[in-house]
Amino acid sequence: MAKRKDSGVGSNVNVGLPSIILLLCVLGLSLFAILTIRAAYNGLKTARTSKKAVEQYYKAEVESDKTRLKIISTFCSCTEKGLDPDQIREALRKIEGVTVDEYGGLSYDTRVNDHSSIRVEMEVCTDDGLYDIHVVSQKLLPDDMEGYSGTGFEIEEIELF
């Protein structure tokens, strides 16, 4: 009888090696798919956070403009009545959240969220007996938290399968 030649080690390598390579390829592609899904989810989270921050900022901007209009309205009514600078300062101090100094500067803060606010600084100028009020600066100020105290490091679980 003749011996079979296909029962050696070589025939097992011909079947096993492509199977192992196929398994490694499937494992690599699956891992790549999971990482891609995770990256897309993180991008979505960042976009939602940015959207929320922008919405909060513009809502605070509207409130800041309302306060500015109250200041200008009060200032105009005081100048029309012919009030002196001390009386004008006193009338402006009565507006909620407005701080007036003795040199004609005033400021107010509008909360954006738990971690920041918009600060507006205005100045009252007098030239030749005419009064003028204008914005000197408007800036977004983060709170001085002395160490992180927010909730930015929340861990969320997502189920992939």
Protein backbone atom coordinates (compact mmCIF):
# COMPACT_ATOMS: atom_id res chain seq x y z
CA MET A 1 0.00 0.00 0.00
CA ALA A 2 1.05 3.47 -0.71
CA LYS A 3 1.50 6.00 2.08
CA ARG A 4 -0.52 9.16 2.03
CA LYS A 5 1.54 12.27 1.62
CA ASP A 6 -1.09 14.83 2.79
CA SER A 7 -1.02 13.79 6.45
CA GLY A 8 2.10 15.79 7.34
CA VAL A 9 2.69 19.10 9.08
CA GLY A 10 2.66 21.07 5.84
CA SER A 11 -1.02 20.47 5.15
CA ASN A 12 -2.00 21.78 8.60
CA VAL A 13 0.00 24.96 8.00
CA ASN A 14 -1.74 25.46 4.67
CA VAL A 15 -5.16 25.49 6.39
CA GLY A 16 -4.29 27.00 9.82
CA LEU A 17 -2.18 29.99 8.79
CA PRO A 18 -4.83 31.61 6.55
CA SER A 19 -7.44 31.02 9.27
CA ILE A 20 -5.27 32.78 11.86
CA ILE A 21 -4.60 35.68 9.49
CA LEU A 22 -8.34 35.95 8.77
CA LEU A 23 -9.12 35.98 12.51
CA LEU A 24 -6.51 38.70 13.14
CA CYS A 25 -7.91 40.79 10.26
CA VAL A 26 -11.48 40.48 11.60
CA LEU A 27 -10.29 41.34 15.11
CA GLY A 28 -8.36 44.37 13.83
CA LEU A 29 -11.29 45.64 11.77
CA SER A 30 -13.68 45.16 14.69
CA LEU A 31 -11.35 47.11 16.98
CA PHE A 32 -11.05 49.87 14.37
CA ALA A 33 -14.86 50.03 14.07
CA ILE A 34 -15.27 50.32 17.84
CA LEU A 35 -12.67 53.09 18.04
CA THR A 36 -14.34 54.93 15.17
CA ILE A 37 -17.74 54.77 16.87
CA ARG A 38 -16.19 55.98 20.12
CA ALA A 39 -14.47 58.92 18.38
CA ALA A 40 -17.74 59.88 16.67
CA TYR A 41 -19.56 59.78 20.01
CA ASN A 42 -16.93 61.99 21.64
CA GLY A 43 -17.28 64.45 18.75
CA LEU A 44 -21.04 64.50 19.26
CA LYS A 45 -20.59 65.17 22.99
CA THR A 46 -18.23 68.05 22.23
CA ALA A 47 -20.65 69.53 19.70
CA ARG A 48 -23.52 69.35 22.20
CA THR A 49 -21.41 71.00 24.90
CA SER A 50 -20.37 73.77 22.51
CA LYS A 51 -23.96 74.31 21.42
CA LYS A 52 -25.11 74.62 25.03
CA ALA A 53 -22.29 77.06 25.86
CA VAL A 54 -23.07 79.25 22.84
CA GLU A 55 -26.80 79.29 23.67
CA GLN A 56 -26.05 80.30 27.26
CA TYR A 57 -23.68 83.03 26.09
CA TYR A 58 -26.19 84.60 23.71
CA LYS A 59 -28.97 84.47 26.30
CA ALA A 60 -26.66 86.28 28.71
CA GLU A 61 -25.76 88.74 25.94
CA VAL A 62 -29.45 89.61 25.54
CA GLU A 63 -29.77 90.16 29.32
CA SER A 64 -26.64 92.30 29.23
CA ASP A 65 -28.12 94.41 26.45
CA LYS A 66 -31.32 94.86 28.47
CA THR A 67 -29.28 96.16 31.41
CA ARG A 68 -27.32 98.45 29.09
CA LEU A 69 -30.59 99.85 27.71
CA LYS A 70 -31.86 100.48 31.27
CA ILE A 71 -28.65 102.36 32.03
CA ILE A 72 -28.85 104.47 28.88
CA SER A 73 -32.55 105.15 29.41
CA THR A 74 -31.99 106.21 33.02
CA PHE A 75 -29.00 108.32 31.99
CA CYS A 76 -30.96 110.08 29.21
CA SER A 77 -33.94 110.81 31.46
CA CYS A 78 -31.61 112.23 34.13
CA THR A 79 -29.80 114.49 31.66
CA GLU A 80 -33.11 115.69 30.21
CA LYS A 81 -34.20 116.68 33.72
CA GLY A 82 -30.94 118.59 34.15
CA LEU A 83 -29.72 116.61 37.17
CA ASP A 84 -26.18 117.09 38.40
CA PRO A 85 -23.56 114.28 38.18
CA ASP A 86 -24.08 113.13 41.77
CA GLN A 87 -27.80 112.70 41.20
CA ILE A 88 -27.14 110.86 37.95
CA ARG A 89 -24.76 108.47 39.75
CA GLU A 90 -27.35 107.86 42.44
CA ALA A 91 -30.04 107.12 39.84
CA LEU A 92 -27.70 104.68 38.05
CA ARG A 93 -26.82 102.92 41.32
CA LYS A 94 -30.50 102.08 41.77
CA ILE A 95 -30.40 99.78 38.74
CA GLU A 96 -29.96 96.20 39.90
CA GLY A 97 -26.39 94.90 39.57
CA VAL A 98 -24.84 98.19 38.45
CA THR A 99 -21.77 99.50 40.25
CA VAL A 100 -20.93 103.19 39.80
CA ASP A 101 -17.66 104.77 40.88
CA GLU A 102 -17.10 108.45 41.65
CA TYR A 103 -15.13 109.12 38.47
CA GLY A 104 -17.95 108.37 36.03
CA GLY A 105 -17.23 104.71 35.40
CA LEU A 106 -19.82 102.02 35.88
CA SER A 107 -19.87 98.27 35.44
CA TYR A 108 -22.22 95.32 35.68
CA ASP A 109 -21.97 91.55 35.40
CA THR A 110 -24.37 89.16 33.71
CA ARG A 111 -24.14 85.46 34.54
CA VAL A 112 -23.61 83.16 31.55
CA ASN A 113 -23.48 79.88 33.46
CA ASP A 114 -22.05 78.52 36.70
CA HIS A 115 -18.50 79.17 35.55
CA SER A 116 -18.48 82.51 33.72
CA SER A 117 -20.08 85.91 33.36
CA ILE A 118 -20.07 88.85 30.98
CA ARG A 119 -18.61 92.04 32.44
CA VAL A 120 -19.49 95.35 30.79
CA GLU A 121 -17.71 98.55 31.74
CA MET A 122 -19.15 101.90 30.68
CA GLU A 123 -17.93 105.44 31.05
CA VAL A 124 -19.76 108.74 31.43
CA CYS A 125 -17.96 111.63 29.77
CA THR A 126 -18.65 115.32 30.16
CA ASP A 127 -17.43 117.65 27.42
CA ASP A 128 -18.40 121.32 27.59
CA GLY A 129 -21.39 120.56 29.74
CA LEU A 130 -22.62 117.76 27.47
CA TYR A 131 -22.91 114.27 28.86
CA ASP A 132 -22.12 111.12 26.90
CA ILE A 133 -22.16 107.47 27.94
CA HIS A 134 -20.47 104.66 26.05
CA VAL A 135 -19.17 101.12 26.51
CA VAL A 136 -15.47 100.89 27.28
CA SER A 137 -15.16 97.11 27.38
CA GLN A 138 -17.22 93.98 27.29
CA LYS A 139 -15.59 90.66 28.07
CA LEU A 140 -16.32 87.12 29.09
CA LEU A 141 -14.82 86.34 32.49
CA PRO A 142 -14.37 82.83 33.87
CA ASP A 143 -14.87 82.52 37.60
CA ASP A 144 -11.82 82.21 39.79
CA MET A 145 -12.48 78.67 40.96
CA GLU A 146 -9.11 77.98 42.64
CA GLY A 147 -9.12 74.41 41.47
CA TYR A 148 -11.63 72.68 39.31
CA SER A 149 -15.10 72.36 40.81
CA GLY A 150 -17.27 71.64 37.80
CA THR A 151 -18.72 68.50 36.31
CA GLY A 152 -16.61 68.31 33.16
CA PHE A 153 -15.12 64.94 34.00
CA GLU A 154 -18.33 62.97 34.02
CA ILE A 155 -18.00 59.42 32.82
CA GLU A 156 -20.81 58.25 30.61
CA GLU A 157 -21.37 54.68 29.59
CA ILE A 158 -22.51 53.77 26.15
CA GLU A 159 -23.42 50.35 24.99
CA LEU A 160 -22.00 49.36 21.66
CA PHE A 161 -23.63 45.95 21.42
